[in-house]
Amino acid sequence: MGKGNKKIEITDRIERMEALEDRFGITLESLYAIYRKDEYDGTLDVNYDVLAPGNIDHDINITVSLYNSNKQLVATTSTSLYADDFLGIQSCSESFYDVDEPPALVRILPSKS
């Protein structure tokens, strides 16, 4: 990395809602979040696997949300998992750009599509 670049792993700032995961019959595993800042931009990459022991009977959205130290929502994105295509495991990666500082909290929530 060049001068002035920094890289911070912030996996410990990820919050899951296990009760919602149970409700939808999935688990989120292999979580990893890395913040990178250079002289131009800050980016955050969040990686995770979605696992289900059996078939899911409905489409699911996985939403990744970023919060600052004031508990304000600063960015969000979603990935859709389609029941017809889901084979029990799906690896996902979400990228956020123009992130000024490492988020204080990264929340990952499943919801019904």
PDB file of N, CA and C in Angstrom:
ATOM      1  N   MET A   1       0.846  -1.183   0.000  1.00  0.00           N
ATOM      2  CA  MET A   1       0.000   0.000   0.000  1.00  0.00           C
ATOM      3  C   MET A   1       0.883   1.234   0.000  1.00  0.00           C
ATOM      4  N   GLY A   2       0.416   2.261  -0.665  1.00  0.00           N
ATOM      5  CA  GLY A   2       1.194   3.487  -0.763  1.00  0.00           C
ATOM      6  C   GLY A   2       1.153   4.304   0.508  1.00  0.00           C
ATOM      7  N   LYS A   3       1.920   5.359   0.483  1.00  0.00           N
ATOM      8  CA  LYS A   3       1.997   6.258   1.632  1.00  0.00           C
ATOM      9  C   LYS A   3       0.614   6.874   1.901  1.00  0.00           C
ATOM     10  N   GLY A   4       0.220   6.909   3.159  1.00  0.00           N
ATOM     11  CA  GLY A   4      -1.070   7.485   3.531  1.00  0.00           C
ATOM     12  C   GLY A   4      -2.237   6.519   3.422  1.00  0.00           C
ATOM     13  N   ASN A   5      -1.991   5.296   2.965  1.00  0.00           N
ATOM     14  CA  ASN A   5      -3.057   4.300   2.863  1.00  0.00           C
ATOM     15  C   ASN A   5      -3.175   3.538   4.170  1.00  0.00           C
ATOM     16  N   LYS A   6      -4.420   3.226   4.538  1.00  0.00           N
ATOM     17  CA  LYS A   6      -4.596   2.402   5.726  1.00  0.00           C
ATOM     18  C   LYS A   6      -5.659   1.345   5.453  1.00  0.00           C
ATOM     19  N   LYS A   7      -5.541   0.261   6.185  1.00  0.00           N
ATOM     20  CA  LYS A   7      -6.443  -0.885   6.047  1.00  0.00           C
ATOM     21  C   LYS A   7      -6.777  -1.350   7.455  1.00  0.00           C
ATOM     22  N   ILE A   8      -8.077  -1.411   7.779  1.00  0.00           N
ATOM     23  CA  ILE A   8      -8.512  -1.783   9.120  1.00  0.00           C
ATOM     24  C   ILE A   8      -9.566  -2.883   9.006  1.00  0.00           C
ATOM     25  N   GLU A   9      -9.310  -4.015   9.642  1.00  0.00           N
ATOM     26  CA  GLU A   9     -10.337  -5.048   9.708  1.00  0.00           C
ATOM     27  C   GLU A   9     -11.320  -4.667  10.808  1.00  0.00           C
ATOM     28  N   ILE A  10     -12.615  -4.648  10.480  1.00  0.00           N
ATOM     29  CA  ILE A  10     -13.640  -4.259  11.460  1.00  0.00           C
ATOM     30  C   ILE A  10     -14.715  -5.333  11.607  1.00  0.00           C
ATOM     31  N   THR A  11     -14.323  -6.579  11.403  1.00  0.00           N
ATOM     32  CA  THR A  11     -15.264  -7.693  11.538  1.00  0.00           C
ATOM     33  C   THR A  11     -15.941  -7.690  12.904  1.00  0.00           C
ATOM     34  N   ASP A  12     -15.225  -7.255  13.936  1.00  0.00           N
ATOM     35  CA  ASP A  12     -15.802  -7.241  15.287  1.00  0.00           C
ATOM     36  C   ASP A  12     -16.940  -6.226  15.436  1.00  0.00           C
ATOM     37  N   ARG A  13     -17.160  -5.381  14.445  1.00  0.00           N
ATOM     38  CA  ARG A  13     -18.246  -4.397  14.490  1.00  0.00           C
ATOM     39  C   ARG A  13     -19.507  -4.883  13.779  1.00  0.00           C
ATOM     40  N   ILE A  14     -19.480  -6.114  13.287  1.00  0.00           N
ATOM     41  CA  ILE A  14     -20.650  -6.677  12.611  1.00  0.00           C
ATOM     42  C   ILE A  14     -21.644  -7.180  13.649  1.00  0.00           C
ATOM     43  N   GLU A  15     -22.895  -6.800  13.460  1.00  0.00           N
ATOM     44  CA  GLU A  15     -23.993  -7.268  14.317  1.00  0.00           C
ATOM     45  C   GLU A  15     -24.968  -8.079  13.468  1.00  0.00           C
ATOM     46  N   ARG A  16     -25.229  -9.300  13.905  1.00  0.00           N
ATOM     47  CA  ARG A  16     -26.217 -10.165  13.271  1.00  0.00           C
ATOM     48  C   ARG A  16     -27.466 -10.205  14.134  1.00  0.00           C
ATOM     49  N   MET A  17     -28.580 -10.525  13.534  1.00  0.00           N
ATOM     50  CA  MET A  17     -29.832 -10.741  14.251  1.00  0.00           C
ATOM     51  C   MET A  17     -30.182 -12.213  14.126  1.00  0.00           C
ATOM     52  N   GLU A  18     -29.645 -13.003  15.077  1.00  0.00           N
ATOM     53  CA  GLU A  18     -29.791 -14.452  14.984  1.00  0.00           C
ATOM     54  C   GLU A  18     -31.250 -14.892  15.050  1.00  0.00           C
ATOM     55  N   ALA A  19     -32.101 -14.160  15.770  1.00  0.00           N
ATOM     56  CA  ALA A  19     -33.524 -14.516  15.834  1.00  0.00           C
ATOM     57  C   ALA A  19     -34.162 -14.407  14.448  1.00  0.00           C
ATOM     58  N   LEU A  20     -33.772 -13.409  13.671  1.00  0.00           N
ATOM     59  CA  LEU A  20     -34.299 -13.286  12.308  1.00  0.00           C
ATOM     60  C   LEU A  20     -33.728 -14.369  11.404  1.00  0.00           C
ATOM     61  N   GLU A  21     -32.461 -14.694  11.590  1.00  0.00           N
ATOM     62  CA  GLU A  21     -31.868 -15.778  10.808  1.00  0.00           C
ATOM     63  C   GLU A  21     -32.629 -17.080  11.065  1.00  0.00           C
ATOM     64  N   ASP A  22     -32.919 -17.371  12.336  1.00  0.00           N
ATOM     65  CA  ASP A  22     -33.684 -18.572  12.693  1.00  0.00           C
ATOM     66  C   ASP A  22     -35.058 -18.551  12.032  1.00  0.00           C
ATOM     67  N   ARG A  23     -35.694 -17.407  12.055  1.00  0.00           N
ATOM     68  CA  ARG A  23     -37.043 -17.263  11.485  1.00  0.00           C
ATOM     69  C   ARG A  23     -37.056 -17.609   9.991  1.00  0.00           C
ATOM     70  N   PHE A  24     -35.976 -17.242   9.287  1.00  0.00           N
ATOM     71  CA  PHE A  24     -35.911 -17.490   7.849  1.00  0.00           C
ATOM     72  C   PHE A  24     -35.179 -18.782   7.492  1.00  0.00           C
ATOM     73  N   GLY A  25     -34.718 -19.531   8.498  1.00  0.00           N
ATOM     74  CA  GLY A  25     -34.091 -20.823   8.263  1.00  0.00           C
ATOM     75  C   GLY A  25     -32.700 -20.749   7.670  1.00  0.00           C
ATOM     76  N   ILE A  26     -31.977 -19.662   7.987  1.00  0.00           N
ATOM     77  CA  ILE A  26     -30.622 -19.496   7.463  1.00  0.00           C
ATOM     78  C   ILE A  26     -29.669 -19.156   8.603  1.00  0.00           C
ATOM     79  N   THR A  27     -28.380 -19.222   8.325  1.00  0.00           N
ATOM     80  CA  THR A  27     -27.364 -18.667   9.215  1.00  0.00           C
ATOM     81  C   THR A  27     -26.375 -17.885   8.355  1.00  0.00           C
ATOM     82  N   LEU A  28     -25.832 -16.825   8.930  1.00  0.00           N
ATOM     83  CA  LEU A  28     -24.797 -16.028   8.283  1.00  0.00           C
ATOM     84  C   LEU A  28     -23.474 -16.408   8.924  1.00  0.00           C
ATOM     85  N   GLU A  29     -22.533 -16.833   8.114  1.00  0.00           N
ATOM     86  CA  GLU A  29     -21.248 -17.308   8.623  1.00  0.00           C
ATOM     87  C   GLU A  29     -20.107 -16.717   7.821  1.00  0.00           C
ATOM     88  N   SER A  30     -18.885 -16.979   8.289  1.00  0.00           N
ATOM     89  CA  SER A  30     -17.659 -16.545   7.612  1.00  0.00           C
ATOM     90  C   SER A  30     -17.648 -15.036   7.368  1.00  0.00           C
ATOM     91  N   LEU A  31     -18.104 -14.287   8.355  1.00  0.00           N
ATOM     92  CA  LEU A  31     -18.196 -12.831   8.244  1.00  0.00           C
ATOM     93  C   LEU A  31     -16.812 -12.191   8.226  1.00  0.00           C
ATOM     94  N   TYR A  32     -16.658 -11.171   7.377  1.00  0.00           N
ATOM     95  CA  TYR A  32     -15.390 -10.447   7.279  1.00  0.00           C
ATOM     96  C   TYR A  32     -15.682  -9.051   6.757  1.00  0.00           C
ATOM     97  N   ALA A  33     -15.137  -8.041   7.417  1.00  0.00           N
ATOM     98  CA  ALA A  33     -15.290  -6.655   6.967  1.00  0.00           C
ATOM     99  C   ALA A  33     -13.938  -5.961   7.020  1.00  0.00           C
ATOM    100  N   ILE A  34     -13.601  -5.285   5.926  1.00  0.00           N
ATOM    101  CA  ILE A  34     -12.323  -4.581   5.841  1.00  0.00           C
ATOM    102  C   ILE A  34     -12.563  -3.162   5.300  1.00  0.00           C
ATOM    103  N   TYR A  35     -12.017  -2.193   6.015  1.00  0.00           N
ATOM    104  CA  TYR A  35     -12.089  -0.785   5.604  1.00  0.00           C
ATOM    105  C   TYR A  35     -10.738  -0.385   5.034  1.00  0.00           C
ATOM    106  N   ARG A  36     -10.777   0.269   3.875  1.00  0.00           N
ATOM    107  CA  ARG A  36      -9.554   0.757   3.234  1.00  0.00           C
ATOM    108  C   ARG A  36      -9.701   2.246   2.959  1.00  0.00           C
ATOM    109  N   LYS A  37      -8.649   2.988   3.260  1.00  0.00           N
ATOM    110  CA  LYS A  37      -8.647   4.430   3.020  1.00  0.00           C
ATOM    111  C   LYS A  37      -7.344   4.797   2.341  1.00  0.00           C
ATOM    112  N   ASP A  38      -7.450   5.521   1.232  1.00  0.00           N
ATOM    113  CA  ASP A  38      -6.260   6.053   0.579  1.00  0.00           C
ATOM    114  C   ASP A  38      -6.419   7.567   0.471  1.00  0.00           C
ATOM    115  N   GLU A  39      -5.560   8.198  -0.299  1.00  0.00           N
ATOM    116  CA  GLU A  39      -5.615   9.657  -0.379  1.00  0.00           C
ATOM    117  C   GLU A  39      -6.855  10.169  -1.103  1.00  0.00           C
ATOM    118  N   TYR A  40      -7.603   9.275  -1.780  1.00  0.00           N
ATOM    119  CA  TYR A  40      -8.770   9.686  -2.543  1.00  0.00           C
ATOM    120  C   TYR A  40     -10.104   9.269  -1.951  1.00  0.00           C
ATOM    121  N   ASP A  41     -10.161   8.099  -1.372  1.00  0.00           N
ATOM    122  CA  ASP A  41     -11.469   7.522  -1.058  1.00  0.00           C
ATOM    123  C   ASP A  41     -11.354   6.495   0.066  1.00  0.00           C
ATOM    124  N   GLY A  42     -12.471   6.264   0.747  1.00  0.00           N
ATOM    125  CA  GLY A  42     -12.580   5.182   1.710  1.00  0.00           C
ATOM    126  C   GLY A  42     -13.567   4.157   1.183  1.00  0.00           C
ATOM    127  N   THR A  43     -13.236   2.884   1.301  1.00  0.00           N
ATOM    128  CA  THR A  43     -14.140   1.820   0.867  1.00  0.00           C
ATOM    129  C   THR A  43     -14.283   0.791   1.982  1.00  0.00           C
ATOM    130  N   LEU A  44     -15.403   0.115   1.972  1.00  0.00           N
ATOM    131  CA  LEU A  44     -15.648  -0.966   2.921  1.00  0.00           C
ATOM    132  C   LEU A  44     -16.154  -2.166   2.146  1.00  0.00           C
ATOM    133  N   ASP A  45     -15.549  -3.316   2.398  1.00  0.00           N
ATOM    134  CA  ASP A  45     -15.997  -4.574   1.817  1.00  0.00           C
ATOM    135  C   ASP A  45     -16.483  -5.469   2.945  1.00  0.00           C
ATOM    136  N   VAL A  46     -17.667  -6.048   2.768  1.00  0.00           N
ATOM    137  CA  VAL A  46     -18.256  -6.964   3.740  1.00  0.00           C
ATOM    138  C   VAL A  46     -18.534  -8.275   3.012  1.00  0.00           C
ATOM    139  N   ASN A  47     -17.947  -9.356   3.522  1.00  0.00           N
ATOM    140  CA  ASN A  47     -18.115 -10.679   2.929  1.00  0.00           C
ATOM    141  C   ASN A  47     -18.786 -11.609   3.931  1.00  0.00           C
ATOM    142  N   TYR A  48     -19.618 -12.510   3.416  1.00  0.00           N
ATOM    143  CA  TYR A  48     -20.307 -13.468   4.291  1.00  0.00           C
ATOM    144  C   TYR A  48     -20.880 -14.600   3.452  1.00  0.00           C
ATOM    145  N   ASP A  49     -21.141 -15.705   4.121  1.00  0.00           N
ATOM    146  CA  ASP A  49     -21.839 -16.836   3.514  1.00  0.00           C
ATOM    147  C   ASP A  49     -23.228 -16.941   4.122  1.00  0.00           C
ATOM    148  N   VAL A  50     -24.195 -17.278   3.286  1.00  0.00           N
ATOM    149  CA  VAL A  50     -25.547 -17.583   3.742  1.00  0.00           C
ATOM    150  C   VAL A  50     -25.712 -19.091   3.606  1.00  0.00           C
ATOM    151  N   LEU A  51     -26.042 -19.754   4.725  1.00  0.00           N
ATOM    152  CA  LEU A  51     -26.224 -21.201   4.719  1.00  0.00           C
ATOM    153  C   LEU A  51     -27.623 -21.552   5.189  1.00  0.00           C
ATOM    154  N   ALA A  52     -28.147 -22.634   4.638  1.00  0.00           N
ATOM    155  CA  ALA A  52     -29.439 -23.170   5.071  1.00  0.00           C
ATOM    156  C   ALA A  52     -29.336 -24.686   5.041  1.00  0.00           C
ATOM    157  N   PRO A  53     -29.776 -25.361   6.110  1.00  0.00           N
ATOM    158  CA  PRO A  53     -29.674 -26.815   6.156  1.00  0.00           C
ATOM    159  C   PRO A  53     -30.595 -27.511   5.150  1.00  0.00           C
ATOM    160  N   GLY A  54     -31.650 -26.824   4.763  1.00  0.00           N
ATOM    161  CA  GLY A  54     -32.595 -27.391   3.804  1.00  0.00           C
ATOM    162  C   GLY A  54     -32.969 -26.335   2.793  1.00  0.00           C
ATOM    163  N   ASN A  55     -33.989 -26.612   2.027  1.00  0.00           N
ATOM    164  CA  ASN A  55     -34.460 -25.645   1.045  1.00  0.00           C
ATOM    165  C   ASN A  55     -35.163 -24.489   1.741  1.00  0.00           C
ATOM    166  N   ILE A  56     -35.003 -23.307   1.196  1.00  0.00           N
ATOM    167  CA  ILE A  56     -35.799 -22.183   1.669  1.00  0.00           C
ATOM    168  C   ILE A  56     -37.023 -22.101   0.760  1.00  0.00           C
ATOM    169  N   ASP A  57     -38.160 -21.767   1.337  1.00  0.00           N
ATOM    170  CA  ASP A  57     -39.400 -21.790   0.568  1.00  0.00           C
ATOM    171  C   ASP A  57     -39.846 -20.412   0.097  1.00  0.00           C
ATOM    172  N   HIS A  58     -39.000 -19.398   0.305  1.00  0.00           N
ATOM    173  CA  HIS A  58     -39.336 -18.038  -0.131  1.00  0.00           C
ATOM    174  C   HIS A  58     -38.039 -17.274  -0.407  1.00  0.00           C
ATOM    175  N   ASP A  59     -38.159 -16.250  -1.231  1.00  0.00           N
ATOM    176  CA  ASP A  59     -37.005 -15.415  -1.532  1.00  0.00           C
ATOM    177  C   ASP A  59     -36.633 -14.602  -0.294  1.00  0.00           C
ATOM    178  N   ILE A  60     -35.339 -14.352  -0.132  1.00  0.00           N
ATOM    179  CA  ILE A  60     -34.832 -13.629   1.039  1.00  0.00           C
ATOM    180  C   ILE A  60     -33.931 -12.494   0.578  1.00  0.00           C
ATOM    181  N   ASN A  61     -34.051 -11.353   1.235  1.00  0.00           N
ATOM    182  CA  ASN A  61     -33.119 -10.243   1.056  1.00  0.00           C
ATOM    183  C   ASN A  61     -32.168 -10.237   2.239  1.00  0.00           C
ATOM    184  N   ILE A  62     -30.901  -9.983   1.975  1.00  0.00           N
ATOM    185  CA  ILE A  62     -29.919  -9.762   3.032  1.00  0.00           C
ATOM    186  C   ILE A  62     -29.487  -8.304   2.906  1.00  0.00           C
ATOM    187  N   THR A  63     -29.750  -7.513   3.929  1.00  0.00           N
ATOM    188  CA  THR A  63     -29.415  -6.097   3.922  1.00  0.00           C
ATOM    189  C   THR A  63     -28.213  -5.848   4.813  1.00  0.00           C
ATOM    190  N   VAL A  64     -27.231  -5.132   4.278  1.00  0.00           N
ATOM    191  CA  VAL A  64     -26.055  -4.723   5.039  1.00  0.00           C
ATOM    192  C   VAL A  64     -26.157  -3.208   5.212  1.00  0.00           C
ATOM    193  N   SER A  65     -26.132  -2.753   6.462  1.00  0.00           N
ATOM    194  CA  SER A  65     -26.272  -1.327   6.783  1.00  0.00           C
ATOM    195  C   SER A  65     -25.074  -0.855   7.585  1.00  0.00           C
ATOM    196  N   LEU A  66     -24.632   0.370   7.297  1.00  0.00           N
ATOM    197  CA  LEU A  66     -23.505   0.980   8.004  1.00  0.00           C
ATOM    198  C   LEU A  66     -24.003   2.122   8.869  1.00  0.00           C
ATOM    199  N   TYR A  67     -23.470   2.208  10.092  1.00  0.00           N
ATOM    200  CA  TYR A  67     -23.850   3.255  11.039  1.00  0.00           C
ATOM    201  C   TYR A  67     -22.597   3.974  11.530  1.00  0.00           C
ATOM    202  N   ASN A  68     -22.706   5.282  11.733  1.00  0.00           N
ATOM    203  CA  ASN A  68     -21.576   6.031  12.273  1.00  0.00           C
ATOM    204  C   ASN A  68     -21.598   6.004  13.792  1.00  0.00           C
ATOM    205  N   SER A  69     -20.665   6.699  14.420  1.00  0.00           N
ATOM    206  CA  SER A  69     -20.552   6.679  15.890  1.00  0.00           C
ATOM    207  C   SER A  69     -21.728   7.361  16.581  1.00  0.00           C
ATOM    208  N   ASN A  70     -22.531   8.122  15.834  1.00  0.00           N
ATOM    209  CA  ASN A  70     -23.745   8.741  16.389  1.00  0.00           C
ATOM    210  C   ASN A  70     -24.978   7.858  16.193  1.00  0.00           C
ATOM    211  N   LYS A  71     -24.755   6.607  15.783  1.00  0.00           N
ATOM    212  CA  LYS A  71     -25.822   5.630  15.530  1.00  0.00           C
ATOM    213  C   LYS A  71     -26.738   6.052  14.384  1.00  0.00           C
ATOM    214  N   GLN A  72     -26.184   6.820  13.443  1.00  0.00           N
ATOM    215  CA  GLN A  72     -26.932   7.248  12.264  1.00  0.00           C
ATOM    216  C   GLN A  72     -26.642   6.295  11.114  1.00  0.00           C
ATOM    217  N   LEU A  73     -27.689   5.937  10.385  1.00  0.00           N
ATOM    218  CA  LEU A  73     -27.547   5.076   9.218  1.00  0.00           C
ATOM    219  C   LEU A  73     -26.907   5.889   8.095  1.00  0.00           C
ATOM    220  N   VAL A  74     -25.748   5.443   7.606  1.00  0.00           N
ATOM    221  CA  VAL A  74     -25.040   6.216   6.576  1.00  0.00           C
ATOM    222  C   VAL A  74     -25.044   5.549   5.201  1.00  0.00           C
ATOM    223  N   ALA A  75     -25.276   4.247   5.147  1.00  0.00           N
ATOM    224  CA  ALA A  75     -25.327   3.558   3.851  1.00  0.00           C
ATOM    225  C   ALA A  75     -25.967   2.195   4.035  1.00  0.00           C
ATOM    226  N   THR A  76     -26.570   1.705   2.953  1.00  0.00           N
ATOM    227  CA  THR A  76     -27.197   0.389   2.990  1.00  0.00           C
ATOM    228  C   THR A  76     -27.226  -0.198   1.590  1.00  0.00           C
ATOM    229  N   THR A  77     -27.206  -1.513   1.512  1.00  0.00           N
ATOM    230  CA  THR A  77     -27.349  -2.224   0.250  1.00  0.00           C
ATOM    231  C   THR A  77     -27.958  -3.594   0.550  1.00  0.00           C
ATOM    232  N   SER A  78     -28.529  -4.213  -0.478  1.00  0.00           N
ATOM    233  CA  SER A  78     -29.180  -5.516  -0.288  1.00  0.00           C
ATOM    234  C   SER A  78     -28.789  -6.493  -1.385  1.00  0.00           C
ATOM    235  N   THR A  79     -28.835  -7.765  -1.024  1.00  0.00           N
ATOM    236  CA  THR A  79     -28.659  -8.868  -1.963  1.00  0.00           C
ATOM    237  C   THR A  79     -29.892  -9.747  -1.860  1.00  0.00           C
ATOM    238  N   SER A  80     -30.405 -10.171  -2.995  1.00  0.00           N
ATOM    239  CA  SER A  80     -31.567 -11.058  -3.012  1.00  0.00           C
ATOM    240  C   SER A  80     -31.131 -12.488  -3.267  1.00  0.00           C
ATOM    241  N   LEU A  81     -31.691 -13.399  -2.485  1.00  0.00           N
ATOM    242  CA  LEU A  81     -31.487 -14.832  -2.675  1.00  0.00           C
ATOM    243  C   LEU A  81     -32.834 -15.419  -3.093  1.00  0.00           C
ATOM    244  N   TYR A  82     -32.855 -16.052  -4.242  1.00  0.00           N
ATOM    245  CA  TYR A  82     -34.102 -16.576  -4.783  1.00  0.00           C
ATOM    246  C   TYR A  82     -34.239 -18.052  -4.427  1.00  0.00           C
ATOM    247  N   ALA A  83     -35.376 -18.408  -3.864  1.00  0.00           N
ATOM    248  CA  ALA A  83     -35.610 -19.772  -3.376  1.00  0.00           C
ATOM    249  C   ALA A  83     -35.350 -20.811  -4.466  1.00  0.00           C
ATOM    250  N   ASP A  84     -35.758 -20.537  -5.685  1.00  0.00           N
ATOM    251  CA  ASP A  84     -35.595 -21.506  -6.779  1.00  0.00           C
ATOM    252  C   ASP A  84     -34.125 -21.742  -7.129  1.00  0.00           C
ATOM    253  N   ASP A  85     -33.258 -20.760  -6.856  1.00  0.00           N
ATOM    254  CA  ASP A  85     -31.840 -20.858  -7.233  1.00  0.00           C
ATOM    255  C   ASP A  85     -30.923 -21.184  -6.061  1.00  0.00           C
ATOM    256  N   PHE A  86     -31.421 -21.086  -4.832  1.00  0.00           N
ATOM    257  CA  PHE A  86     -30.570 -21.248  -3.655  1.00  0.00           C
ATOM    258  C   PHE A  86     -30.311 -22.724  -3.405  1.00  0.00           C
ATOM    259  N   LEU A  87     -29.035 -23.102  -3.315  1.00  0.00           N
ATOM    260  CA  LEU A  87     -28.653 -24.507  -3.175  1.00  0.00           C
ATOM    261  C   LEU A  87     -28.092 -24.838  -1.799  1.00  0.00           C
ATOM    262  N   GLY A  88     -28.378 -24.000  -0.804  1.00  0.00           N
ATOM    263  CA  GLY A  88     -27.937 -24.302   0.551  1.00  0.00           C
ATOM    264  C   GLY A  88     -26.776 -23.461   1.030  1.00  0.00           C
ATOM    265  N   ILE A  89     -26.013 -22.889   0.099  1.00  0.00           N
ATOM    266  CA  ILE A  89     -24.928 -21.984   0.474  1.00  0.00           C
ATOM    267  C   ILE A  89     -24.753 -20.947  -0.632  1.00  0.00           C
ATOM    268  N   GLN A  90     -24.554 -19.719  -0.213  1.00  0.00           N
ATOM    269  CA  GLN A  90     -24.299 -18.629  -1.156  1.00  0.00           C
ATOM    270  C   GLN A  90     -23.275 -17.700  -0.534  1.00  0.00           C
ATOM    271  N   SER A  91     -22.179 -17.461  -1.221  1.00  0.00           N
ATOM    272  CA  SER A  91     -21.180 -16.505  -0.766  1.00  0.00           C
ATOM    273  C   SER A  91     -21.532 -15.132  -1.324  1.00  0.00           C
ATOM    274  N   CYS A  92     -21.478 -14.114  -0.465  1.00  0.00           N
ATOM    275  CA  CYS A  92     -21.872 -12.764  -0.846  1.00  0.00           C
ATOM    276  C   CYS A  92     -20.779 -11.766  -0.477  1.00  0.00           C
ATOM    277  N   SER A  93     -20.687 -10.704  -1.256  1.00  0.00           N
ATOM    278  CA  SER A  93     -19.745  -9.631  -0.989  1.00  0.00           C
ATOM    279  C   SER A  93     -20.416  -8.311  -1.323  1.00  0.00           C
ATOM    280  N   GLU A  94     -20.391  -7.401  -0.375  1.00  0.00           N
ATOM    281  CA  GLU A  94     -20.963  -6.068  -0.566  1.00  0.00           C
ATOM    282  C   GLU A  94     -19.849  -5.042  -0.457  1.00  0.00           C
ATOM    283  N   SER A  95     -19.831  -4.064  -1.360  1.00  0.00           N
ATOM    284  CA  SER A  95     -18.828  -3.015  -1.326  1.00  0.00           C
ATOM    285  C   SER A  95     -19.509  -1.660  -1.192  1.00  0.00           C
ATOM    286  N   PHE A  96     -18.938  -0.835  -0.341  1.00  0.00           N
ATOM    287  CA  PHE A  96     -19.411   0.526  -0.130  1.00  0.00           C
ATOM    288  C   PHE A  96     -18.274   1.477  -0.499  1.00  0.00           C
ATOM    289  N   TYR A  97     -18.595   2.541  -1.228  1.00  0.00           N
ATOM    290  CA  TYR A  97     -17.598   3.511  -1.662  1.00  0.00           C
ATOM    291  C   TYR A  97     -17.899   4.878  -1.044  1.00  0.00           C
ATOM    292  N   ASP A  98     -16.920   5.755  -1.068  1.00  0.00           N
ATOM    293  CA  ASP A  98     -17.053   7.102  -0.480  1.00  0.00           C
ATOM    294  C   ASP A  98     -17.397   7.030   1.002  1.00  0.00           C
ATOM    295  N   VAL A  99     -16.791   6.094   1.713  1.00  0.00           N
ATOM    296  CA  VAL A  99     -17.004   5.941   3.152  1.00  0.00           C
ATOM    297  C   VAL A  99     -15.918   6.756   3.851  1.00  0.00           C
ATOM    298  N   ASP A 100     -16.320   7.846   4.512  1.00  0.00           N
ATOM    299  CA  ASP A 100     -15.361   8.789   5.092  1.00  0.00           C
ATOM    300  C   ASP A 100     -14.524   8.210   6.224  1.00  0.00           C
ATOM    301  N   GLU A 101     -15.137   7.352   7.021  1.00  0.00           N
ATOM    302  CA  GLU A 101     -14.441   6.774   8.171  1.00  0.00           C
ATOM    303  C   GLU A 101     -14.962   5.366   8.405  1.00  0.00           C
ATOM    304  N   PRO A 102     -14.214   4.538   9.132  1.00  0.00           N
ATOM    305  CA  PRO A 102     -14.720   3.190   9.408  1.00  0.00           C
ATOM    306  C   PRO A 102     -16.042   3.275  10.175  1.00  0.00           C
ATOM    307  N   PRO A 103     -17.051   2.526   9.761  1.00  0.00           N
ATOM    308  CA  PRO A 103     -18.316   2.577  10.479  1.00  0.00           C
ATOM    309  C   PRO A 103     -18.178   2.029  11.896  1.00  0.00           C
ATOM    310  N   ALA A 104     -18.985   2.576  12.798  1.00  0.00           N
ATOM    311  CA  ALA A 104     -19.001   2.101  14.184  1.00  0.00           C
ATOM    312  C   ALA A 104     -19.744   0.769  14.287  1.00  0.00           C
ATOM    313  N   LEU A 105     -20.686   0.545  13.357  1.00  0.00           N
ATOM    314  CA  LEU A 105     -21.508  -0.663  13.376  1.00  0.00           C
ATOM    315  C   LEU A 105     -21.837  -1.063  11.949  1.00  0.00           C
ATOM    316  N   VAL A 106     -21.762  -2.365  11.688  1.00  0.00           N
ATOM    317  CA  VAL A 106     -22.207  -2.952  10.428  1.00  0.00           C
ATOM    318  C   VAL A 106     -23.279  -3.964  10.802  1.00  0.00           C
ATOM    319  N   ARG A 107     -24.485  -3.739  10.352  1.00  0.00           N
ATOM    320  CA  ARG A 107     -25.599  -4.639  10.711  1.00  0.00           C
ATOM    321  C   ARG A 107     -26.014  -5.427   9.469  1.00  0.00           C
ATOM    322  N   ILE A 108     -26.178  -6.749   9.645  1.00  0.00           N
ATOM    323  CA  ILE A 108     -26.602  -7.618   8.551  1.00  0.00           C
ATOM    324  C   ILE A 108     -27.925  -8.265   8.954  1.00  0.00           C
ATOM    325  N   LEU A 109     -28.969  -7.982   8.155  1.00  0.00           N
ATOM    326  CA  LEU A 109     -30.317  -8.431   8.488  1.00  0.00           C
ATOM    327  C   LEU A 109     -30.968  -9.174   7.325  1.00  0.00           C
ATOM    328  N   PRO A 110     -31.536 -10.342   7.574  1.00  0.00           N
ATOM    329  CA  PRO A 110     -32.350 -10.980   6.543  1.00  0.00           C
ATOM    330  C   PRO A 110     -33.788 -10.470   6.626  1.00  0.00           C
ATOM    331  N   SER A 111     -34.456 -10.461   5.470  1.00  0.00           N
ATOM    332  CA  SER A 111     -35.877 -10.127   5.436  1.00  0.00           C
ATOM    333  C   SER A 111     -36.500 -10.879   4.264  1.00  0.00           C
ATOM    334  N   LYS A 112     -37.800 -10.979   4.283  1.00  0.00           N
ATOM    335  CA  LYS A 112     -38.517 -11.664   3.212  1.00  0.00           C
ATOM    336  C   LYS A 112     -38.616 -10.744   2.004  1.00  0.00           C
ATOM    337  N   SER A 113     -38.385 -11.304   0.816  1.00  0.00           N
ATOM    338  CA  SER A 113     -38.495 -10.508  -0.413  1.00  0.00           C
ATOM    339  C   SER A 113     -39.942 -10.239  -0.742  1.00  0.00           C
TER     340      SER A 113
END
